[in-house]
Amino acid sequence: MTTSKPTDLSVTPRDIRFVPAKDYVRHWLGGDPVGTAVMNALSLTFPDGERLFVDAVRHYRERLPPALQDDARHFIAQEALHSREHQALNDLVDPAIYPVAEILAKIRARIAMARARGPFGMLVSTIALEHFTAMMAEVHMEAGNRLFAGAEPRIEQLWRWHALEETEHKAVAFDVFMEITRHWNPLRRYWLRVWTMALITVNFTRNISSHAARLLEAEGYSPRAARAGVRRYVWLSPGIFRLGWRTYFAWYRPGFHPWQIGSRPQVNSWRTEFDAIAKTSSL
């Protein structure tokens, strides 16, 4: 099974600024407060989370072979741009209405715990979370227009651009991990990534759901109704945490590599679209 990046796919940072239109509305995801809350909860995690990913990979960059070192450099550039653009989106979440500071404090406390484990602990967390983001990018591609139906156009583009680049670099942190642990016993390496993924899965899904529910409570939902609405969205319809189950469970195979899961046809059309936009520097 393949463990190498497709020859027609490169890790390409695209410096694009996604400025929402002036008619931006609070429920930017087609008027759906629950879907908007879930996506805003995800977005709130990205700036600090992606800085963690960047620092984890950067720490090992000089120890990598040339080709992987080059991919790591582009990974760092892509993630830095993602952090910037999601920060711009997060700035639209009105802190006078929503408990933004409370949510960010919880996110940063968890990231501080990951950083306290040192560069290798950060890298192990990164490979698991990068699998989640690649899985969600795949869900985005499979769901097509359904997932972001009626979304504010600039924000919809931001999420597609992010999904494209997550797909391009989905194996970079994993390859860094494999390179750094190349002298390990394979069973030891396997169990480390399996247990890490199990822990990340519980924390990531629970935390995103909790943050989204808090955003809904700020709009007047009861805690029970907020939790029920979020659970329905993430697990049932559209089921963003459920739809990618095949990709998710592939992680638990011995010998797994991210490029054993092929890219969706949308990658080529999205790459053409965003390469063209990047040439103009901004939207």
C-alpha atoms as a PDB file:
ATOM      1  CA  MET A   1       0.000   0.000   0.000  1.00  0.00           C
ATOM      2  CA  THR A   2       1.200   3.479  -0.804  1.00  0.00           C
ATOM      3  CA  THR A   3       2.952   5.609   1.778  1.00  0.00           C
ATOM      4  CA  SER A   4       4.033   8.422  -0.532  1.00  0.00           C
ATOM      5  CA  LYS A   5       2.361  11.618  -1.634  1.00  0.00           C
ATOM      6  CA  PRO A   6       0.682  11.514  -5.076  1.00  0.00           C
ATOM      7  CA  THR A   7       3.015  12.901  -7.710  1.00  0.00           C
ATOM      8  CA  ASP A   8       0.384  15.408  -8.883  1.00  0.00           C
ATOM      9  CA  LEU A   9      -0.171  16.849  -5.397  1.00  0.00           C
ATOM     10  CA  SER A  10       2.082  19.361  -3.699  1.00  0.00           C
ATOM     11  CA  VAL A  11       1.988  21.153  -0.360  1.00  0.00           C
ATOM     12  CA  THR A  12       1.296  24.675  -1.601  1.00  0.00           C
ATOM     13  CA  PRO A  13       0.725  27.631   0.733  1.00  0.00           C
ATOM     14  CA  ARG A  14      -1.821  30.066  -0.758  1.00  0.00           C
ATOM     15  CA  ASP A  15      -1.801  33.483   0.867  1.00  0.00           C
ATOM     16  CA  ILE A  16      -5.467  34.430   0.509  1.00  0.00           C
ATOM     17  CA  ARG A  17      -7.457  36.736   2.752  1.00  0.00           C
ATOM     18  CA  PHE A  18     -11.115  35.813   3.169  1.00  0.00           C
ATOM     19  CA  VAL A  19     -12.841  39.017   4.189  1.00  0.00           C
ATOM     20  CA  PRO A  20     -16.560  38.429   4.870  1.00  0.00           C
ATOM     21  CA  ALA A  21     -19.032  40.497   2.876  1.00  0.00           C
ATOM     22  CA  LYS A  22     -20.624  43.496   4.549  1.00  0.00           C
ATOM     23  CA  ASP A  23     -23.908  41.623   4.782  1.00  0.00           C
ATOM     24  CA  TYR A  24     -22.366  39.026   7.106  1.00  0.00           C
ATOM     25  CA  VAL A  25     -25.032  37.648   9.410  1.00  0.00           C
ATOM     26  CA  ARG A  26     -24.713  35.954  12.787  1.00  0.00           C
ATOM     27  CA  HIS A  27     -25.955  32.583  11.545  1.00  0.00           C
ATOM     28  CA  TRP A  28     -23.699  32.564   8.503  1.00  0.00           C
ATOM     29  CA  LEU A  29     -24.251  28.844   7.757  1.00  0.00           C
ATOM     30  CA  GLY A  30     -27.501  29.166   5.813  1.00  0.00           C
ATOM     31  CA  GLY A  31     -29.317  30.663   8.783  1.00  0.00           C
ATOM     32  CA  ASP A  32     -28.749  27.518  10.863  1.00  0.00           C
ATOM     33  CA  PRO A  33     -27.809  28.480  14.441  1.00  0.00           C
ATOM     34  CA  VAL A  34     -26.697  24.960  15.377  1.00  0.00           C
ATOM     35  CA  GLY A  35     -24.484  24.402  12.341  1.00  0.00           C
ATOM     36  CA  THR A  36     -23.026  27.886  12.726  1.00  0.00           C
ATOM     37  CA  ALA A  37     -22.274  27.221  16.402  1.00  0.00           C
ATOM     38  CA  VAL A  38     -20.505  23.946  15.632  1.00  0.00           C
ATOM     39  CA  MET A  39     -18.385  25.480  12.875  1.00  0.00           C
ATOM     40  CA  ASN A  40     -17.594  28.521  15.028  1.00  0.00           C
ATOM     41  CA  ALA A  41     -16.560  26.187  17.850  1.00  0.00           C
ATOM     42  CA  LEU A  42     -14.199  24.405  15.473  1.00  0.00           C
ATOM     43  CA  SER A  43     -12.838  27.685  14.173  1.00  0.00           C
ATOM     44  CA  LEU A  44     -12.170  28.973  17.687  1.00  0.00           C
ATOM     45  CA  THR A  45      -9.805  26.033  18.255  1.00  0.00           C
ATOM     46  CA  PHE A  46      -7.779  26.580  15.105  1.00  0.00           C
ATOM     47  CA  PRO A  47      -5.523  29.626  15.696  1.00  0.00           C
ATOM     48  CA  ASP A  48      -3.931  28.313  18.894  1.00  0.00           C
ATOM     49  CA  GLY A  49      -4.159  24.682  17.794  1.00  0.00           C
ATOM     50  CA  GLU A  50      -2.410  25.282  14.516  1.00  0.00           C
ATOM     51  CA  ARG A  51       0.344  27.236  16.225  1.00  0.00           C
ATOM     52  CA  LEU A  52       0.915  24.085  18.283  1.00  0.00           C
ATOM     53  CA  PHE A  53       1.164  22.037  15.073  1.00  0.00           C
ATOM     54  CA  VAL A  54       3.615  24.521  13.586  1.00  0.00           C
ATOM     55  CA  ASP A  55       5.874  24.487  16.643  1.00  0.00           C
ATOM     56  CA  ALA A  56       5.785  20.679  16.850  1.00  0.00           C
ATOM     57  CA  VAL A  57       6.931  20.206  13.255  1.00  0.00           C
ATOM     58  CA  ARG A  58       9.365  23.121  13.296  1.00  0.00           C
ATOM     59  CA  HIS A  59      11.234  21.632  16.255  1.00  0.00           C
ATOM     60  CA  TYR A  60      12.234  18.584  14.158  1.00  0.00           C
ATOM     61  CA  ARG A  61      12.614  20.217  10.757  1.00  0.00           C
ATOM     62  CA  GLU A  62      16.411  20.305  10.691  1.00  0.00           C
ATOM     63  CA  ARG A  63      16.556  16.554  11.427  1.00  0.00           C
ATOM     64  CA  LEU A  64      14.515  15.586   8.366  1.00  0.00           C
ATOM     65  CA  PRO A  65      15.658  14.413   4.926  1.00  0.00           C
ATOM     66  CA  PRO A  66      15.556  17.159   2.260  1.00  0.00           C
ATOM     67  CA  ALA A  67      12.231  16.302   0.604  1.00  0.00           C
ATOM     68  CA  LEU A  68      10.387  16.009   3.920  1.00  0.00           C
ATOM     69  CA  GLN A  69      12.126  19.120   5.198  1.00  0.00           C
ATOM     70  CA  ASP A  70      10.710  20.995   2.218  1.00  0.00           C
ATOM     71  CA  ASP A  71       7.204  19.648   2.860  1.00  0.00           C
ATOM     72  CA  ALA A  72       7.559  20.608   6.532  1.00  0.00           C
ATOM     73  CA  ARG A  73       8.433  24.170   5.532  1.00  0.00           C
ATOM     74  CA  HIS A  74       5.313  24.399   3.380  1.00  0.00           C
ATOM     75  CA  PHE A  75       3.215  22.738   6.094  1.00  0.00           C
ATOM     76  CA  ILE A  76       4.315  25.446   8.518  1.00  0.00           C
ATOM     77  CA  ALA A  77       3.414  28.172   6.006  1.00  0.00           C
ATOM     78  CA  GLN A  78      -0.013  26.667   5.320  1.00  0.00           C
ATOM     79  CA  GLU A  79      -0.869  26.280   8.986  1.00  0.00           C
ATOM     80  CA  ALA A  80       0.244  29.817   9.768  1.00  0.00           C
ATOM     81  CA  LEU A  81      -2.110  31.128   7.077  1.00  0.00           C
ATOM     82  CA  HIS A  82      -4.957  28.945   8.387  1.00  0.00           C
ATOM     83  CA  SER A  83      -4.409  30.350  11.854  1.00  0.00           C
ATOM     84  CA  ARG A  84      -4.555  33.897  10.524  1.00  0.00           C
ATOM     85  CA  GLU A  85      -7.723  33.416   8.505  1.00  0.00           C
ATOM     86  CA  HIS A  86      -9.612  31.588  11.227  1.00  0.00           C
ATOM     87  CA  GLN A  87      -8.637  34.320  13.649  1.00  0.00           C
ATOM     88  CA  ALA A  88     -10.285  36.794  11.266  1.00  0.00           C
ATOM     89  CA  LEU A  89     -13.420  34.621  11.212  1.00  0.00           C
ATOM     90  CA  ASN A  90     -13.363  34.271  14.994  1.00  0.00           C
ATOM     91  CA  ASP A  91     -13.226  38.045  15.352  1.00  0.00           C
ATOM     92  CA  LEU A  92     -16.749  38.135  13.898  1.00  0.00           C
ATOM     93  CA  VAL A  93     -18.113  36.105  16.816  1.00  0.00           C
ATOM     94  CA  ASP A  94     -19.438  38.916  18.997  1.00  0.00           C
ATOM     95  CA  PRO A  95     -17.951  38.619  22.513  1.00  0.00           C
ATOM     96  CA  ALA A  96     -20.780  40.822  23.806  1.00  0.00           C
ATOM     97  CA  ILE A  97     -23.192  37.986  22.971  1.00  0.00           C
ATOM     98  CA  TYR A  98     -21.103  34.824  23.095  1.00  0.00           C
ATOM     99  CA  PRO A  99     -18.736  33.490  25.819  1.00  0.00           C
ATOM    100  CA  VAL A 100     -15.701  33.729  23.541  1.00  0.00           C
ATOM    101  CA  ALA A 101     -13.229  34.469  26.341  1.00  0.00           C
ATOM    102  CA  GLU A 102     -14.486  31.509  28.367  1.00  0.00           C
ATOM    103  CA  ILE A 103     -14.152  29.118  25.434  1.00  0.00           C
ATOM    104  CA  LEU A 104     -10.709  30.402  24.450  1.00  0.00           C
ATOM    105  CA  ALA A 105      -9.508  30.029  28.039  1.00  0.00           C
ATOM    106  CA  LYS A 106     -10.504  26.343  27.974  1.00  0.00           C
ATOM    107  CA  ILE A 107      -8.874  25.804  24.581  1.00  0.00           C
ATOM    108  CA  ARG A 108      -5.644  27.465  25.681  1.00  0.00           C
ATOM    109  CA  ALA A 109      -5.523  25.513  28.937  1.00  0.00           C
ATOM    110  CA  ARG A 110      -5.664  22.235  26.990  1.00  0.00           C
ATOM    111  CA  ILE A 111      -3.045  23.421  24.523  1.00  0.00           C
ATOM    112  CA  ALA A 112      -0.825  24.455  27.422  1.00  0.00           C
ATOM    113  CA  MET A 113      -1.115  20.885  28.737  1.00  0.00           C
ATOM    114  CA  ALA A 114      -0.022  19.555  25.341  1.00  0.00           C
ATOM    115  CA  ARG A 115       2.909  21.965  25.217  1.00  0.00           C
ATOM    116  CA  ALA A 116       3.959  20.929  28.709  1.00  0.00           C
ATOM    117  CA  ARG A 117       4.639  17.429  27.350  1.00  0.00           C
ATOM    118  CA  GLY A 118       7.487  18.832  25.265  1.00  0.00           C
ATOM    119  CA  PRO A 119       8.133  18.756  21.498  1.00  0.00           C
ATOM    120  CA  PHE A 120       7.618  15.020  21.071  1.00  0.00           C
ATOM    121  CA  GLY A 121       4.355  15.023  23.000  1.00  0.00           C
ATOM    122  CA  MET A 122       3.245  17.970  20.887  1.00  0.00           C
ATOM    123  CA  LEU A 123       4.128  16.067  17.716  1.00  0.00           C
ATOM    124  CA  VAL A 124       2.171  12.984  18.776  1.00  0.00           C
ATOM    125  CA  SER A 125      -0.894  15.119  19.523  1.00  0.00           C
ATOM    126  CA  THR A 126      -0.413  16.836  16.184  1.00  0.00           C
ATOM    127  CA  ILE A 127      -0.476  13.657  14.106  1.00  0.00           C
ATOM    128  CA  ALA A 128      -3.738  12.556  15.723  1.00  0.00           C
ATOM    129  CA  LEU A 129      -5.415  15.941  15.311  1.00  0.00           C
ATOM    130  CA  GLU A 130      -4.145  16.223  11.737  1.00  0.00           C
ATOM    131  CA  HIS A 131      -5.906  12.929  11.017  1.00  0.00           C
ATOM    132  CA  PHE A 132      -9.104  14.498  12.329  1.00  0.00           C
ATOM    133  CA  THR A 133      -8.728  17.582  10.141  1.00  0.00           C
ATOM    134  CA  ALA A 134      -7.943  15.439   7.084  1.00  0.00           C
ATOM    135  CA  MET A 135     -10.997  13.306   7.832  1.00  0.00           C
ATOM    136  CA  MET A 136     -13.203  16.382   8.096  1.00  0.00           C
ATOM    137  CA  ALA A 137     -11.766  17.753   4.863  1.00  0.00           C
ATOM    138  CA  GLU A 138     -12.732  14.477   3.230  1.00  0.00           C
ATOM    139  CA  VAL A 139     -16.249  14.744   4.701  1.00  0.00           C
ATOM    140  CA  HIS A 140     -16.455  18.262   3.263  1.00  0.00           C
ATOM    141  CA  MET A 141     -15.536  16.972  -0.174  1.00  0.00           C
ATOM    142  CA  GLU A 142     -17.926  14.027  -0.006  1.00  0.00           C
ATOM    143  CA  ALA A 143     -20.843  16.117   1.252  1.00  0.00           C
ATOM    144  CA  GLY A 144     -20.331  18.633  -1.533  1.00  0.00           C
ATOM    145  CA  ASN A 145     -22.610  21.645  -1.344  1.00  0.00           C
ATOM    146  CA  ARG A 146     -24.837  20.093   1.327  1.00  0.00           C
ATOM    147  CA  LEU A 147     -22.517  20.826   4.215  1.00  0.00           C
ATOM    148  CA  PHE A 148     -22.208  24.548   3.511  1.00  0.00           C
ATOM    149  CA  ALA A 149     -25.506  25.122   1.696  1.00  0.00           C
ATOM    150  CA  GLY A 150     -26.530  28.756   1.981  1.00  0.00           C
ATOM    151  CA  ALA A 151     -23.316  29.773   3.728  1.00  0.00           C
ATOM    152  CA  GLU A 152     -21.916  33.272   3.381  1.00  0.00           C
ATOM    153  CA  PRO A 153     -19.802  32.880   0.196  1.00  0.00           C
ATOM    154  CA  ARG A 154     -16.500  34.175   1.528  1.00  0.00           C
ATOM    155  CA  ILE A 155     -16.725  31.986   4.630  1.00  0.00           C
ATOM    156  CA  GLU A 156     -17.669  28.968   2.527  1.00  0.00           C
ATOM    157  CA  GLN A 157     -14.560  29.580   0.420  1.00  0.00           C
ATOM    158  CA  LEU A 158     -12.415  29.837   3.540  1.00  0.00           C
ATOM    159  CA  TRP A 159     -13.528  26.399   4.715  1.00  0.00           C
ATOM    160  CA  ARG A 160     -12.964  24.843   1.268  1.00  0.00           C
ATOM    161  CA  TRP A 161      -9.503  26.396   1.005  1.00  0.00           C
ATOM    162  CA  HIS A 162      -8.695  25.041   4.448  1.00  0.00           C
ATOM    163  CA  ALA A 163      -9.989  21.576   3.487  1.00  0.00           C
ATOM    164  CA  LEU A 164      -7.879  21.560   0.325  1.00  0.00           C
ATOM    165  CA  GLU A 165      -4.664  22.443   2.121  1.00  0.00           C
ATOM    166  CA  GLU A 166      -5.340  20.017   4.979  1.00  0.00           C
ATOM    167  CA  THR A 167      -5.595  17.325   2.316  1.00  0.00           C
ATOM    168  CA  GLU A 168      -2.328  18.405   0.700  1.00  0.00           C
ATOM    169  CA  HIS A 169      -0.348  18.238   3.931  1.00  0.00           C
ATOM    170  CA  LYS A 170      -2.247  15.455   5.716  1.00  0.00           C
ATOM    171  CA  ALA A 171       0.817  13.178   5.891  1.00  0.00           C
ATOM    172  CA  VAL A 172       3.526  15.715   6.726  1.00  0.00           C
ATOM    173  CA  ALA A 173       3.381  15.575  10.526  1.00  0.00           C
ATOM    174  CA  PHE A 174       2.866  11.800  10.346  1.00  0.00           C
ATOM    175  CA  ASP A 175       5.987  11.447   8.195  1.00  0.00           C
ATOM    176  CA  VAL A 176       7.942  13.591  10.658  1.00  0.00           C
ATOM    177  CA  PHE A 177       6.802  11.277  13.462  1.00  0.00           C
ATOM    178  CA  MET A 178       7.801   8.197  11.459  1.00  0.00           C
ATOM    179  CA  GLU A 179      11.208   9.691  10.699  1.00  0.00           C
ATOM    180  CA  ILE A 180      11.895  10.670  14.306  1.00  0.00           C
ATOM    181  CA  THR A 181      10.854   7.210  15.577  1.00  0.00           C
ATOM    182  CA  ARG A 182      12.397   5.186  12.732  1.00  0.00           C
ATOM    183  CA  HIS A 183      14.598   3.237  15.173  1.00  0.00           C
ATOM    184  CA  TRP A 184      11.700   2.330  17.455  1.00  0.00           C
ATOM    185  CA  ASN A 185      10.143  -1.085  17.733  1.00  0.00           C
ATOM    186  CA  PRO A 186       7.123  -0.912  15.354  1.00  0.00           C
ATOM    187  CA  LEU A 187       4.779  -2.263  18.036  1.00  0.00           C
ATOM    188  CA  ARG A 188       5.787   0.473  20.460  1.00  0.00           C
ATOM    189  CA  ARG A 189       5.169   3.122  17.799  1.00  0.00           C
ATOM    190  CA  TYR A 190       1.813   1.569  16.872  1.00  0.00           C
ATOM    191  CA  TRP A 191       0.499   1.482  20.421  1.00  0.00           C
ATOM    192  CA  LEU A 192       1.591   5.061  21.073  1.00  0.00           C
ATOM    193  CA  ARG A 193      -0.352   6.437  18.139  1.00  0.00           C
ATOM    194  CA  VAL A 194      -3.396   4.206  18.864  1.00  0.00           C
ATOM    195  CA  TRP A 195      -3.686   5.277  22.483  1.00  0.00           C
ATOM    196  CA  THR A 196      -3.049   8.898  21.538  1.00  0.00           C
ATOM    197  CA  MET A 197      -5.836   8.797  18.965  1.00  0.00           C
ATOM    198  CA  ALA A 198      -8.261   7.203  21.421  1.00  0.00           C
ATOM    199  CA  LEU A 199      -7.577   9.971  23.949  1.00  0.00           C
ATOM    200  CA  ILE A 200      -7.699  12.739  21.351  1.00  0.00           C
ATOM    201  CA  THR A 201     -10.992  11.387  19.992  1.00  0.00           C
ATOM    202  CA  VAL A 202     -12.724  11.584  23.358  1.00  0.00           C
ATOM    203  CA  ASN A 203     -11.372  15.033  24.166  1.00  0.00           C
ATOM    204  CA  PHE A 204     -11.767  16.588  20.721  1.00  0.00           C
ATOM    205  CA  THR A 205     -15.358  15.501  20.087  1.00  0.00           C
ATOM    206  CA  ARG A 206     -16.433  16.278  23.641  1.00  0.00           C
ATOM    207  CA  ASN A 207     -14.775  19.699  23.709  1.00  0.00           C
ATOM    208  CA  ILE A 208     -16.088  20.849  20.325  1.00  0.00           C
ATOM    209  CA  SER A 209     -19.592  19.758  21.332  1.00  0.00           C
ATOM    210  CA  SER A 210     -19.289  21.554  24.662  1.00  0.00           C
ATOM    211  CA  HIS A 211     -18.044  24.790  23.073  1.00  0.00           C
ATOM    212  CA  ALA A 212     -20.812  24.731  20.460  1.00  0.00           C
ATOM    213  CA  ALA A 213     -23.448  24.144  23.138  1.00  0.00           C
ATOM    214  CA  ARG A 214     -22.165  27.136  25.113  1.00  0.00           C
ATOM    215  CA  LEU A 215     -22.483  29.298  21.996  1.00  0.00           C
ATOM    216  CA  LEU A 216     -26.097  28.162  21.601  1.00  0.00           C
ATOM    217  CA  GLU A 217     -26.885  28.790  25.266  1.00  0.00           C
ATOM    218  CA  ALA A 218     -25.815  32.386  24.706  1.00  0.00           C
ATOM    219  CA  GLU A 219     -28.617  32.614  22.140  1.00  0.00           C
ATOM    220  CA  GLY A 220     -31.236  31.472  24.612  1.00  0.00           C
ATOM    221  CA  TYR A 221     -31.152  27.703  24.188  1.00  0.00           C
ATOM    222  CA  SER A 222     -31.522  25.733  27.403  1.00  0.00           C
ATOM    223  CA  PRO A 223     -28.423  23.671  28.235  1.00  0.00           C
ATOM    224  CA  ARG A 224     -30.350  20.488  27.449  1.00  0.00           C
ATOM    225  CA  ALA A 225     -31.658  21.765  24.108  1.00  0.00           C
ATOM    226  CA  ALA A 226     -28.209  23.087  23.168  1.00  0.00           C
ATOM    227  CA  ARG A 227     -26.518  19.756  23.874  1.00  0.00           C
ATOM    228  CA  ALA A 228     -29.226  17.845  21.994  1.00  0.00           C
ATOM    229  CA  GLY A 229     -28.974  20.120  18.966  1.00  0.00           C
ATOM    230  CA  VAL A 230     -25.198  19.802  18.810  1.00  0.00           C
ATOM    231  CA  ARG A 231     -25.263  16.017  19.248  1.00  0.00           C
ATOM    232  CA  ARG A 232     -27.768  15.734  16.425  1.00  0.00           C
ATOM    233  CA  TYR A 233     -25.628  17.919  14.141  1.00  0.00           C
ATOM    234  CA  VAL A 234     -22.275  16.250  14.757  1.00  0.00           C
ATOM    235  CA  TRP A 235     -23.466  12.616  14.927  1.00  0.00           C
ATOM    236  CA  LEU A 236     -26.718  12.372  12.938  1.00  0.00           C
ATOM    237  CA  SER A 237     -27.494  15.091  10.425  1.00  0.00           C
ATOM    238  CA  PRO A 238     -25.251  15.958   8.705  1.00  0.00           C
ATOM    239  CA  GLY A 239     -23.079  13.983  11.132  1.00  0.00           C
ATOM    240  CA  ILE A 240     -19.700  15.612  10.557  1.00  0.00           C
ATOM    241  CA  PHE A 241     -18.033  13.337  13.135  1.00  0.00           C
ATOM    242  CA  ARG A 242     -19.790  10.229  11.797  1.00  0.00           C
ATOM    243  CA  LEU A 243     -19.480  10.516   8.022  1.00  0.00           C
ATOM    244  CA  GLY A 244     -15.732   9.997   7.990  1.00  0.00           C
ATOM    245  CA  TRP A 245     -15.755   6.799  10.042  1.00  0.00           C
ATOM    246  CA  ARG A 246     -13.894   4.715   7.446  1.00  0.00           C
ATOM    247  CA  THR A 247     -11.047   7.208   7.358  1.00  0.00           C
ATOM    248  CA  TYR A 248     -11.068   7.543  11.129  1.00  0.00           C
ATOM    249  CA  PHE A 249     -10.807   3.801  11.804  1.00  0.00           C
ATOM    250  CA  ALA A 250      -8.125   3.344   9.148  1.00  0.00           C
ATOM    251  CA  TRP A 251      -5.780   4.946  11.686  1.00  0.00           C
ATOM    252  CA  TYR A 252      -5.992   1.831  13.857  1.00  0.00           C
ATOM    253  CA  ARG A 253      -4.574  -0.474  11.191  1.00  0.00           C
ATOM    254  CA  PRO A 254      -0.966  -1.551  11.772  1.00  0.00           C
ATOM    255  CA  GLY A 255       1.070  -0.066   8.968  1.00  0.00           C
ATOM    256  CA  PHE A 256      -1.391   2.770   8.371  1.00  0.00           C
ATOM    257  CA  HIS A 257      -0.219   5.787   6.393  1.00  0.00           C
ATOM    258  CA  PRO A 258      -2.384   8.822   5.490  1.00  0.00           C
ATOM    259  CA  TRP A 259      -1.732   8.440   1.757  1.00  0.00           C
ATOM    260  CA  GLN A 260      -3.288   4.989   1.781  1.00  0.00           C
ATOM    261  CA  ILE A 261      -6.512   7.006   1.648  1.00  0.00           C
ATOM    262  CA  GLY A 262      -6.749   8.586  -1.775  1.00  0.00           C
ATOM    263  CA  SER A 263      -7.765  12.171  -2.472  1.00  0.00           C
ATOM    264  CA  ARG A 264     -11.247  13.022  -3.689  1.00  0.00           C
ATOM    265  CA  PRO A 265     -11.811  14.323  -7.255  1.00  0.00           C
ATOM    266  CA  GLN A 266     -12.690  17.768  -5.845  1.00  0.00           C
ATOM    267  CA  VAL A 267      -9.049  18.293  -4.918  1.00  0.00           C
ATOM    268  CA  ASN A 268      -8.086  19.100  -8.501  1.00  0.00           C
ATOM    269  CA  SER A 269     -10.924  21.553  -9.144  1.00  0.00           C
ATOM    270  CA  TRP A 270     -10.468  23.255  -5.777  1.00  0.00           C
ATOM    271  CA  ARG A 271      -6.712  23.501  -6.328  1.00  0.00           C
ATOM    272  CA  THR A 272      -7.271  25.165  -9.715  1.00  0.00           C
ATOM    273  CA  GLU A 273      -9.746  27.595  -8.165  1.00  0.00           C
ATOM    274  CA  PHE A 274      -7.572  28.616  -5.228  1.00  0.00           C
ATOM    275  CA  ASP A 275      -4.325  28.714  -7.201  1.00  0.00           C
ATOM    276  CA  ALA A 276      -6.007  31.263  -9.455  1.00  0.00           C
ATOM    277  CA  ILE A 277      -7.305  33.289  -6.514  1.00  0.00           C
ATOM    278  CA  ALA A 278      -3.903  33.248  -4.800  1.00  0.00           C
ATOM    279  CA  LYS A 279      -2.356  34.940  -7.841  1.00  0.00           C
ATOM    280  CA  THR A 280      -4.437  38.016  -7.087  1.00  0.00           C
ATOM    281  CA  SER A 281      -3.151  38.005  -3.448  1.00  0.00           C
ATOM    282  CA  SER A 282      -6.613  38.504  -1.914  1.00  0.00           C
ATOM    283  CA  LEU A 283     -10.278  38.092  -2.644  1.00  0.00           C
END
